[in-house]
Amino acid sequence: MPDGTKVEAVVLSNAHGMQVRILALGASLQSVSTPDRNGKSENIALGYASLDGYLSKPQYFGATVGRYANRIAKGRFSLDGRSYDVPVNDGANSLHGGTRGFDKVLWTVGKVTHDSDKASVMLSHVSPDGDMGYPGTLSASVVYSLDEKNQLSIDYRATTDKPTIVNLSNHAYWNLSGEGSGSVMDDRLTIAGEAYLPVDAGSIPTGEIRKVAGTPFDFRHAKPIGRDIRTNDPQLLNGRGYDHNWVISKGEAKALRMVARVEDPMSGRVLTLKSTQPGLQFYSGNFLDGTTVGTGGHVYRQGDAFVLEPQLYPDTPNQASFGSARLEPGHEYRNLIVYEFTTESARGAH
């Protein structure tokens, strides 16, 4: 780090050719290597080869985002009659916790375990009262686990000493053919959502919950990501592609359920995403502009990756109909995310 502090990295691996590298900076996924249908392992997560990129041009690659993932309109919200201001860093709005969100802090690497079933590491971070304008001292942790079924689990938890808001997620960019291999527009995406949240020109939800039926946002049945992305739809113009939240449920689910699935016809890799969260932000890599050189020395261009973030709805603190992002003392926030990696051949998945 600029002050000379060393940044730890932890590598988790299993017996089936999967390897996951986690950086303490931002509690980030730097790389995720997994076999294709022919057994060849490649890194399928976008990132930088060295720490310099994460420091000089942070782009949330694989990062833990918070305190509030996604956007808060005008960087302002109210809690118990008091107004709070958080830094605006996305036009007029606050994005992923502000100018120094959880992606830019050095997390503490804790317990590392490895047994016959899985390997895991815990990282933690304490965000003091008033950090980036948010109330309450928030004690956050994340456990990354890789098991022998090629499942990567990310388990976020947080507690507070006074009422606050919290919404943590992971911002991994995926390219199932291998990072830097080109466009993901032919990947077949399924999202288990009947509706999505339209946004204004600043990507803030308008408050409407709109059915996906008959729109380019209908991914209830698998279709290529790029099939409708150039449709002259005002919402696609607002986001420069897909950068919207799908309504998976009205509230948090009691058990994990499938929220998305992506099939890559070229490599045969399949990603199945499970979560308990009510929302899923799908972003089609619209702002990758060819100025970033990634882990393998390749340039990242528009549409070269997709992001799937299970979370609360964007701007929930300002939109009562979206539910609540409130965390009370004595309660625990949790977001459990599970990525399952399989391969698919002409005979189907195995």
Foldseek 3Di string as FASTA:
>chain_A
DVVPDDKDKDWWDDPLFWIWIAILQQRFTAWIWHAFPVSDIFTFWWHAQDVVCCVPPNDQARGKFDQAAAKAAQQWFDDPRDIWGFAPDQVSIAHRRHPCTSNGDGWAKDDWDDDQFKTKTKTWDWQDACRRRWGFTKIKMWMWMAGNQRKTKIKIKIFTPFKTFGKIKTWIWGDPVHQQPDAQQQKWKAFQFQWWFAADLSRAGPLDTGGCPPHLPHRNDIDGQNPCLPPPDVRSVSQVGAFTKGFNDLAFAPDKDWGMKIADPPRQKIKTKIWRAGIKTKDQQQPQCQPDQTNVRHTDHGRSTMTIIRIQHHNCSPHVSSPGRMHGHPDMDIIMMMIGMWGADPVGTD
